[in-house]
PDB file of all heavy atoms in Angstrom:
ATOM      1  N   GLY A   1       9.468  15.118 -11.259  1.00  0.00           N
ATOM      2  CA  GLY A   1       8.042  14.941 -11.414  1.00  0.00           C
ATOM      3  C   GLY A   1       7.393  14.274 -10.223  1.00  0.00           C
ATOM      4  O   GLY A   1       8.046  13.984  -9.219  1.00  0.00           O
ATOM      5  N   SER A   2       6.095  14.013 -10.347  1.00  0.00           N
ATOM      6  CA  SER A   2       5.309  13.428  -9.269  1.00  0.00           C
ATOM      7  C   SER A   2       4.527  12.224  -9.763  1.00  0.00           C
ATOM      8  O   SER A   2       4.212  12.102 -10.949  1.00  0.00           O
ATOM      9  CB  SER A   2       4.322  14.454  -8.703  1.00  0.00           C
ATOM     10  OG  SER A   2       4.998  15.558  -8.125  1.00  0.00           O
ATOM     11  N   LEU A   3       4.200  11.357  -8.819  1.00  0.00           N
ATOM     12  CA  LEU A   3       3.422  10.165  -9.103  1.00  0.00           C
ATOM     13  C   LEU A   3       2.676   9.783  -7.832  1.00  0.00           C
ATOM     14  O   LEU A   3       3.198   9.977  -6.722  1.00  0.00           O
ATOM     15  CB  LEU A   3       4.355   9.033  -9.526  1.00  0.00           C
ATOM     16  CG  LEU A   3       3.875   7.948 -10.488  1.00  0.00           C
ATOM     17  CD1 LEU A   3       3.409   8.553 -11.808  1.00  0.00           C
ATOM     18  CD2 LEU A   3       5.003   6.960 -10.746  1.00  0.00           C
ATOM     19  N   ARG A   4       1.468   9.259  -7.974  1.00  0.00           N
ATOM     20  CA  ARG A   4       0.727   8.765  -6.821  1.00  0.00           C
ATOM     21  C   ARG A   4       0.412   7.292  -6.996  1.00  0.00           C
ATOM     22  O   ARG A   4      -0.237   6.894  -7.968  1.00  0.00           O
ATOM     23  CB  ARG A   4      -0.574   9.540  -6.604  1.00  0.00           C
ATOM     24  CG  ARG A   4      -1.259   9.151  -5.288  1.00  0.00           C
ATOM     25  CD  ARG A   4      -2.513   9.949  -4.999  1.00  0.00           C
ATOM     26  NE  ARG A   4      -3.645   9.516  -5.804  1.00  0.00           N
ATOM     27  CZ  ARG A   4      -4.918   9.778  -5.510  1.00  0.00           C
ATOM     28  NH1 ARG A   4      -5.220  10.491  -4.432  1.00  0.00           N
ATOM     29  NH2 ARG A   4      -5.879   9.357  -6.310  1.00  0.00           N
ATOM     30  N   LEU A   5       0.868   6.486  -6.040  1.00  0.00           N
ATOM     31  CA  LEU A   5       0.586   5.064  -6.037  1.00  0.00           C
ATOM     32  C   LEU A   5      -0.629   4.783  -5.162  1.00  0.00           C
ATOM     33  O   LEU A   5      -0.850   5.449  -4.152  1.00  0.00           O
ATOM     34  CB  LEU A   5       1.778   4.271  -5.501  1.00  0.00           C
ATOM     35  CG  LEU A   5       3.129   4.500  -6.179  1.00  0.00           C
ATOM     36  CD1 LEU A   5       4.175   3.568  -5.573  1.00  0.00           C
ATOM     37  CD2 LEU A   5       3.023   4.293  -7.682  1.00  0.00           C
ATOM     38  N   SER A   6      -1.408   3.779  -5.549  1.00  0.00           N
ATOM     39  CA  SER A   6      -2.564   3.358  -4.776  1.00  0.00           C
ATOM     40  C   SER A   6      -2.449   1.876  -4.456  1.00  0.00           C
ATOM     41  O   SER A   6      -1.878   1.102  -5.229  1.00  0.00           O
ATOM     42  CB  SER A   6      -3.863   3.600  -5.553  1.00  0.00           C
ATOM     43  OG  SER A   6      -4.056   4.971  -5.817  1.00  0.00           O
ATOM     44  N   CYS A   7      -2.985   1.481  -3.323  1.00  0.00           N
ATOM     45  CA  CYS A   7      -3.027   0.079  -2.917  1.00  0.00           C
ATOM     46  C   CYS A   7      -4.423  -0.210  -2.397  1.00  0.00           C
ATOM     47  O   CYS A   7      -4.822   0.320  -1.358  1.00  0.00           O
ATOM     48  CB  CYS A   7      -1.976  -0.204  -1.849  1.00  0.00           C
ATOM     49  SG  CYS A   7      -2.057  -1.864  -1.143  1.00  0.00           S
ATOM     50  N   ALA A   8      -5.160  -1.042  -3.123  1.00  0.00           N
ATOM     51  CA  ALA A   8      -6.516  -1.410  -2.749  1.00  0.00           C
ATOM     52  C   ALA A   8      -6.503  -2.740  -2.006  1.00  0.00           C
ATOM     53  O   ALA A   8      -5.900  -3.707  -2.467  1.00  0.00           O
ATOM     54  CB  ALA A   8      -7.397  -1.508  -3.988  1.00  0.00           C
ATOM     55  N   ALA A   9      -7.178  -2.788  -0.858  1.00  0.00           N
ATOM     56  CA  ALA A   9      -7.198  -3.975  -0.013  1.00  0.00           C
ATOM     57  C   ALA A   9      -8.583  -4.599   0.030  1.00  0.00           C
ATOM     58  O   ALA A   9      -9.598  -3.900  -0.040  1.00  0.00           O
ATOM     59  CB  ALA A   9      -6.751  -3.627   1.407  1.00  0.00           C
ATOM     60  N   SER A  10      -8.614  -5.914   0.168  1.00  0.00           N
ATOM     61  CA  SER A  10      -9.869  -6.634   0.333  1.00  0.00           C
ATOM     62  C   SER A  10      -9.627  -7.898   1.143  1.00  0.00           C
ATOM     63  O   SER A  10      -8.483  -8.328   1.317  1.00  0.00           O
ATOM     64  CB  SER A  10     -10.487  -6.993  -1.018  1.00  0.00           C
ATOM     65  OG  SER A  10      -9.634  -7.856  -1.753  1.00  0.00           O
ATOM     66  N   GLY A  11     -10.698  -8.504   1.657  1.00  0.00           N
ATOM     67  CA  GLY A  11     -10.609  -9.779   2.357  1.00  0.00           C
ATOM     68  C   GLY A  11     -10.742  -9.713   3.873  1.00  0.00           C
ATOM     69  O   GLY A  11     -11.232 -10.646   4.488  1.00  0.00           O
ATOM     70  N   ARG A  12     -10.295  -8.631   4.485  1.00  0.00           N
ATOM     71  CA  ARG A  12     -10.382  -8.418   5.921  1.00  0.00           C
ATOM     72  C   ARG A  12     -10.716  -6.957   6.182  1.00  0.00           C
ATOM     73  O   ARG A  12     -10.634  -6.129   5.276  1.00  0.00           O
ATOM     74  CB  ARG A  12      -9.076  -8.781   6.626  1.00  0.00           C
ATOM     75  CG  ARG A  12      -8.652 -10.231   6.482  1.00  0.00           C
ATOM     76  CD  ARG A  12      -9.341 -11.120   7.482  1.00  0.00           C
ATOM     77  NE  ARG A  12      -8.789 -12.469   7.466  1.00  0.00           N
ATOM     78  CZ  ARG A  12      -9.237 -13.470   8.199  1.00  0.00           C
ATOM     79  NH1 ARG A  12     -10.259 -13.271   9.032  1.00  0.00           N
ATOM     80  NH2 ARG A  12      -8.675 -14.668   8.114  1.00  0.00           N
ATOM     81  N   THR A  13     -11.041  -6.652   7.424  1.00  0.00           N
ATOM     82  CA  THR A  13     -11.332  -5.273   7.789  1.00  0.00           C
ATOM     83  C   THR A  13     -10.063  -4.432   7.654  1.00  0.00           C
ATOM     84  O   THR A  13      -9.090  -4.634   8.376  1.00  0.00           O
ATOM     85  CB  THR A  13     -11.877  -5.183   9.212  1.00  0.00           C
ATOM     86  OG1 THR A  13     -13.054  -5.985   9.321  1.00  0.00           O
ATOM     87  CG2 THR A  13     -12.228  -3.748   9.570  1.00  0.00           C
ATOM     88  N   PHE A  14     -10.086  -3.487   6.722  1.00  0.00           N
ATOM     89  CA  PHE A  14      -8.912  -2.699   6.381  1.00  0.00           C
ATOM     90  C   PHE A  14      -8.353  -1.947   7.577  1.00  0.00           C
ATOM     91  O   PHE A  14      -7.137  -1.889   7.777  1.00  0.00           O
ATOM     92  CB  PHE A  14      -9.268  -1.741   5.245  1.00  0.00           C
ATOM     93  CG  PHE A  14      -8.136  -0.888   4.765  1.00  0.00           C
ATOM     94  CD1 PHE A  14      -7.051  -1.450   4.119  1.00  0.00           C
ATOM     95  CD2 PHE A  14      -8.169   0.490   4.942  1.00  0.00           C
ATOM     96  CE1 PHE A  14      -6.011  -0.661   3.657  1.00  0.00           C
ATOM     97  CE2 PHE A  14      -7.143   1.285   4.484  1.00  0.00           C
ATOM     98  CZ  PHE A  14      -6.060   0.712   3.839  1.00  0.00           C
ATOM     99  N   SER A  15      -9.230  -1.382   8.386  1.00  0.00           N
ATOM    100  CA  SER A  15      -8.785  -0.561   9.504  1.00  0.00           C
ATOM    101  C   SER A  15      -8.120  -1.365  10.625  1.00  0.00           C
ATOM    102  O   SER A  15      -7.581  -0.776  11.564  1.00  0.00           O
ATOM    103  CB  SER A  15      -9.955   0.252  10.075  1.00  0.00           C
ATOM    104  OG  SER A  15     -10.978  -0.609  10.548  1.00  0.00           O
ATOM    105  N   ASN A  16      -8.130  -2.688  10.553  1.00  0.00           N
ATOM    106  CA  ASN A  16      -7.444  -3.522  11.536  1.00  0.00           C
ATOM    107  C   ASN A  16      -5.934  -3.552  11.325  1.00  0.00           C
ATOM    108  O   ASN A  16      -5.207  -4.063  12.173  1.00  0.00           O
ATOM    109  CB  ASN A  16      -7.962  -4.963  11.490  1.00  0.00           C
ATOM    110  CG  ASN A  16      -9.314  -5.124  12.142  1.00  0.00           C
ATOM    111  OD1 ASN A  16      -9.820  -4.216  12.801  1.00  0.00           O
ATOM    112  ND2 ASN A  16      -9.906  -6.294  11.965  1.00  0.00           N
ATOM    113  N   TYR A  17      -5.461  -3.015  10.203  1.00  0.00           N
ATOM    114  CA  TYR A  17      -4.063  -3.155   9.825  1.00  0.00           C
ATOM    115  C   TYR A  17      -3.342  -1.831   9.678  1.00  0.00           C
ATOM    116  O   TYR A  17      -3.872  -0.867   9.126  1.00  0.00           O
ATOM    117  CB  TYR A  17      -3.954  -3.913   8.498  1.00  0.00           C
ATOM    118  CG  TYR A  17      -4.522  -5.305   8.559  1.00  0.00           C
ATOM    119  CD1 TYR A  17      -5.854  -5.545   8.237  1.00  0.00           C
ATOM    120  CD2 TYR A  17      -3.726  -6.371   8.954  1.00  0.00           C
ATOM    121  CE1 TYR A  17      -6.385  -6.823   8.314  1.00  0.00           C
ATOM    122  CE2 TYR A  17      -4.251  -7.655   9.031  1.00  0.00           C
ATOM    123  CZ  TYR A  17      -5.579  -7.877   8.708  1.00  0.00           C
ATOM    124  OH  TYR A  17      -6.096  -9.145   8.783  1.00  0.00           O
ATOM    125  N   ALA A  18      -2.112  -1.797  10.194  1.00  0.00           N
ATOM    126  CA  ALA A  18      -1.190  -0.757   9.786  1.00  0.00           C
ATOM    127  C   ALA A  18      -0.770  -1.064   8.347  1.00  0.00           C
ATOM    128  O   ALA A  18      -0.731  -2.229   7.943  1.00  0.00           O
ATOM    129  CB  ALA A  18       0.036  -0.731  10.700  1.00  0.00           C
ATOM    130  N   MET A  19      -0.471  -0.032   7.573  1.00  0.00           N
ATOM    131  CA  MET A  19      -0.118  -0.214   6.172  1.00  0.00           C
ATOM    132  C   MET A  19       1.232   0.419   5.880  1.00  0.00           C
ATOM    133  O   MET A  19       1.607   1.420   6.495  1.00  0.00           O
ATOM    134  CB  MET A  19      -1.179   0.403   5.264  1.00  0.00           C
ATOM    135  CG  MET A  19      -2.577  -0.175   5.433  1.00  0.00           C
ATOM    136  SD  MET A  19      -2.697  -1.924   4.941  1.00  0.00           S
ATOM    137  CE  MET A  19      -2.310  -1.815   3.196  1.00  0.00           C
ATOM    138  N   GLY A  20       1.940  -0.165   4.927  1.00  0.00           N
ATOM    139  CA  GLY A  20       3.244   0.372   4.581  1.00  0.00           C
ATOM    140  C   GLY A  20       3.577   0.209   3.116  1.00  0.00           C
ATOM    141  O   GLY A  20       2.949  -0.572   2.395  1.00  0.00           O
ATOM    142  N   TRP A  21       4.562   0.987   2.691  1.00  0.00           N
ATOM    143  CA  TRP A  21       5.127   0.887   1.345  1.00  0.00           C
ATOM    144  C   TRP A  21       6.607   0.537   1.449  1.00  0.00           C
ATOM    145  O   TRP A  21       7.330   1.096   2.290  1.00  0.00           O
ATOM    146  CB  TRP A  21       4.971   2.196   0.570  1.00  0.00           C
ATOM    147  CG  TRP A  21       3.571   2.487   0.122  1.00  0.00           C
ATOM    148  CD1 TRP A  21       2.652   3.260   0.752  1.00  0.00           C
ATOM    149  CD2 TRP A  21       2.950   2.012  -1.075  1.00  0.00           C
ATOM    150  NE1 TRP A  21       1.489   3.300   0.026  1.00  0.00           N
ATOM    151  CE2 TRP A  21       1.639   2.542  -1.100  1.00  0.00           C
ATOM    152  CE3 TRP A  21       3.363   1.197  -2.134  1.00  0.00           C
ATOM    153  CZ2 TRP A  21       0.745   2.279  -2.136  1.00  0.00           C
ATOM    154  CZ3 TRP A  21       2.477   0.937  -3.162  1.00  0.00           C
ATOM    155  CH2 TRP A  21       1.191   1.471  -3.156  1.00  0.00           C
ATOM    156  N   PHE A  22       7.046  -0.367   0.587  1.00  0.00           N
ATOM    157  CA  PHE A  22       8.437  -0.784   0.490  1.00  0.00           C
ATOM    158  C   PHE A  22       8.841  -0.739  -0.974  1.00  0.00           C
ATOM    159  O   PHE A  22       7.985  -0.705  -1.861  1.00  0.00           O
ATOM    160  CB  PHE A  22       8.621  -2.198   1.046  1.00  0.00           C
ATOM    161  CG  PHE A  22       8.278  -2.326   2.501  1.00  0.00           C
ATOM    162  CD1 PHE A  22       6.954  -2.391   2.921  1.00  0.00           C
ATOM    163  CD2 PHE A  22       9.278  -2.381   3.465  1.00  0.00           C
ATOM    164  CE1 PHE A  22       6.626  -2.509   4.263  1.00  0.00           C
ATOM    165  CE2 PHE A  22       8.971  -2.502   4.812  1.00  0.00           C
ATOM    166  CZ  PHE A  22       7.648  -2.560   5.208  1.00  0.00           C
ATOM    167  N   ARG A  23      10.135  -0.752  -1.231  1.00  0.00           N
ATOM    168  CA  ARG A  23      10.591  -0.763  -2.617  1.00  0.00           C
ATOM    169  C   ARG A  23      11.854  -1.608  -2.752  1.00  0.00           C
ATOM    170  O   ARG A  23      12.606  -1.793  -1.805  1.00  0.00           O
ATOM    171  CB  ARG A  23      10.848   0.654  -3.134  1.00  0.00           C
ATOM    172  CG  ARG A  23      12.008   1.373  -2.466  1.00  0.00           C
ATOM    173  CD  ARG A  23      12.067   2.824  -2.918  1.00  0.00           C
ATOM    174  NE  ARG A  23      13.206   3.526  -2.351  1.00  0.00           N
ATOM    175  CZ  ARG A  23      13.433   4.826  -2.497  1.00  0.00           C
ATOM    176  NH1 ARG A  23      12.583   5.574  -3.195  1.00  0.00           N
ATOM    177  NH2 ARG A  23      14.503   5.379  -1.948  1.00  0.00           N
ATOM    178  N   GLN A  24      12.064  -2.108  -3.962  1.00  0.00           N
ATOM    179  CA  GLN A  24      13.248  -2.900  -4.240  1.00  0.00           C
ATOM    180  C   GLN A  24      13.757  -2.572  -5.636  1.00  0.00           C
ATOM    181  O   GLN A  24      13.033  -2.716  -6.616  1.00  0.00           O
ATOM    182  CB  GLN A  24      12.964  -4.396  -4.126  1.00  0.00           C
ATOM    183  CG  GLN A  24      14.208  -5.261  -4.249  1.00  0.00           C
ATOM    184  CD  GLN A  24      13.953  -6.699  -3.852  1.00  0.00           C
ATOM    185  OE1 GLN A  24      12.835  -7.201  -3.966  1.00  0.00           O
ATOM    186  NE2 GLN A  24      14.995  -7.372  -3.386  1.00  0.00           N
ATOM    187  N   ALA A  25      15.001  -2.129  -5.710  1.00  0.00           N
ATOM    188  CA  ALA A  25      15.663  -1.852  -6.971  1.00  0.00           C
ATOM    189  C   ALA A  25      16.504  -3.060  -7.368  1.00  0.00           C
ATOM    190  O   ALA A  25      16.913  -3.843  -6.506  1.00  0.00           O
ATOM    191  CB  ALA A  25      16.541  -0.610  -6.847  1.00  0.00           C
ATOM    192  N   PRO A  26      16.796  -3.232  -8.657  1.00  0.00           N
ATOM    193  CA  PRO A  26      17.614  -4.364  -9.095  1.00  0.00           C
ATOM    194  C   PRO A  26      18.951  -4.412  -8.367  1.00  0.00           C
ATOM    195  O   PRO A  26      19.646  -3.396  -8.262  1.00  0.00           O
ATOM    196  CB  PRO A  26      17.808  -4.100 -10.586  1.00  0.00           C
ATOM    197  CG  PRO A  26      16.607  -3.307 -10.978  1.00  0.00           C
ATOM    198  CD  PRO A  26      16.331  -2.422  -9.797  1.00  0.00           C
TER     199      PRO A  26
END
């Protein structure tokens, strides 16, 4: 199947940052 994750940012200018996704399993 498929899933889409979203990450909403606030507090600073969003375009100033590179963005990434990480994961951790037990």
